[in-house]
């Protein structure tokens, strides 16, 4: 697998994590309460932080030679 294709998959997985975070935070605020809301919100924050780190890695790794 080429470096460019690998970076594409990493970026795509980060975008997927962002969607998971958005939908889980919407679900937790609309349907949950108490400790379940806290757990799902914490999961959403973790997904968003991991996605941000992945995007930073992709952006600052520079262009691909090809």
C-alpha atoms as a PDB file:
ATOM      1  CA  UNK A   1       0.000   0.000   0.000  1.00  0.00           C
ATOM      2  CA  UNK A   2       1.387   3.378  -0.978  1.00  0.00           C
ATOM      3  CA  UNK A   3       1.956   6.192   1.497  1.00  0.00           C
ATOM      4  CA  UNK A   4      -0.718   8.342  -0.123  1.00  0.00           C
ATOM      5  CA  UNK A   5      -3.319   5.589   0.106  1.00  0.00           C
ATOM      6  CA  UNK A   6      -2.435   4.968   3.744  1.00  0.00           C
ATOM      7  CA  UNK A   7      -2.840   8.664   4.540  1.00  0.00           C
ATOM      8  CA  UNK A   8      -6.220   8.621   2.791  1.00  0.00           C
ATOM      9  CA  UNK A   9      -7.441   5.749   4.984  1.00  0.00           C
ATOM     10  CA  UNK A  10      -6.202   7.442   8.142  1.00  0.00           C
ATOM     11  CA  UNK A  11      -8.004  10.665   7.189  1.00  0.00           C
ATOM     12  CA  UNK A  12     -11.162   8.748   6.280  1.00  0.00           C
ATOM     13  CA  UNK A  13     -11.139   6.951   9.624  1.00  0.00           C
ATOM     14  CA  UNK A  14     -10.737  10.297  11.390  1.00  0.00           C
ATOM     15  CA  UNK A  15     -13.765  11.647   9.529  1.00  0.00           C
ATOM     16  CA  UNK A  16     -15.697   8.526  10.528  1.00  0.00           C
ATOM     17  CA  UNK A  17     -14.738   9.056  14.164  1.00  0.00           C
ATOM     18  CA  UNK A  18     -16.011  12.631  13.930  1.00  0.00           C
ATOM     19  CA  UNK A  19     -19.381  11.393  12.646  1.00  0.00           C
ATOM     20  CA  UNK A  20     -19.562   8.841  15.470  1.00  0.00           C
ATOM     21  CA  UNK A  21     -18.787  11.591  17.976  1.00  0.00           C
ATOM     22  CA  UNK A  22     -21.442  13.940  16.597  1.00  0.00           C
ATOM     23  CA  UNK A  23     -24.181  11.315  16.507  1.00  0.00           C
ATOM     24  CA  UNK A  24     -23.345   9.922  19.937  1.00  0.00           C
ATOM     25  CA  UNK A  25     -23.385  13.370  21.548  1.00  0.00           C
ATOM     26  CA  UNK A  26     -26.720  14.139  19.871  1.00  0.00           C
ATOM     27  CA  UNK A  27     -28.112  10.822  21.092  1.00  0.00           C
ATOM     28  CA  UNK A  28     -26.837  11.322  24.630  1.00  0.00           C
ATOM     29  CA  UNK A  29     -28.329  14.813  24.917  1.00  0.00           C
ATOM     30  CA  UNK A  30     -31.685  13.874  23.421  1.00  0.00           C
ATOM     31  CA  UNK A  31     -32.396  10.411  24.811  1.00  0.00           C
ATOM     32  CA  UNK A  32     -30.175   9.665  27.796  1.00  0.00           C
ATOM     33  CA  UNK A  33     -29.796  10.972  31.319  1.00  0.00           C
ATOM     34  CA  UNK A  34     -27.653  10.351  34.348  1.00  0.00           C
ATOM     35  CA  UNK A  35     -24.564   8.178  34.189  1.00  0.00           C
ATOM     36  CA  UNK A  36     -25.413   6.849  30.702  1.00  0.00           C
ATOM     37  CA  UNK A  37     -25.363  10.379  29.310  1.00  0.00           C
ATOM     38  CA  UNK A  38     -21.980  10.972  30.931  1.00  0.00           C
ATOM     39  CA  UNK A  39     -20.502   7.740  29.576  1.00  0.00           C
ATOM     40  CA  UNK A  40     -21.723   8.353  26.022  1.00  0.00           C
ATOM     41  CA  UNK A  41     -20.553  11.977  26.135  1.00  0.00           C
ATOM     42  CA  UNK A  42     -17.125  10.863  27.344  1.00  0.00           C
ATOM     43  CA  UNK A  43     -16.983   8.343  24.497  1.00  0.00           C
ATOM     44  CA  UNK A  44     -17.837  11.140  22.051  1.00  0.00           C
ATOM     45  CA  UNK A  45     -15.082  13.370  23.426  1.00  0.00           C
ATOM     46  CA  UNK A  46     -12.546  10.566  23.152  1.00  0.00           C
ATOM     47  CA  UNK A  47     -13.588   9.922  19.536  1.00  0.00           C
ATOM     48  CA  UNK A  48     -13.239  13.618  18.715  1.00  0.00           C
ATOM     49  CA  UNK A  49      -9.804  13.907  20.351  1.00  0.00           C
ATOM     50  CA  UNK A  50      -8.498  10.814  18.541  1.00  0.00           C
ATOM     51  CA  UNK A  51      -9.898  12.123  15.249  1.00  0.00           C
ATOM     52  CA  UNK A  52      -8.207  15.477  15.802  1.00  0.00           C
ATOM     53  CA  UNK A  53      -4.871  13.829  16.509  1.00  0.00           C
ATOM     54  CA  UNK A  54      -5.178  11.717  13.356  1.00  0.00           C
ATOM     55  CA  UNK A  55      -6.009  14.754  11.218  1.00  0.00           C
ATOM     56  CA  UNK A  56      -3.056  16.671  12.671  1.00  0.00           C
ATOM     57  CA  UNK A  57      -0.761  13.755  11.820  1.00  0.00           C
ATOM     58  CA  UNK A  58      -2.059  13.638   8.246  1.00  0.00           C
ATOM     59  CA  UNK A  59      -1.831  17.393   7.707  1.00  0.00           C
ATOM     60  CA  UNK A  60       1.619  17.903   9.191  1.00  0.00           C
ATOM     61  CA  UNK A  61       3.179  14.839   7.570  1.00  0.00           C
ATOM     62  CA  UNK A  62       3.411  16.802   4.354  1.00  0.00           C
ATOM     63  CA  UNK A  63       2.753  15.935   0.740  1.00  0.00           C
ATOM     64  CA  UNK A  64       3.366  12.516  -0.705  1.00  0.00           C
ATOM     65  CA  UNK A  65       6.039  12.015  -3.345  1.00  0.00           C
ATOM     66  CA  UNK A  66       4.578  10.429  -6.425  1.00  0.00           C
END
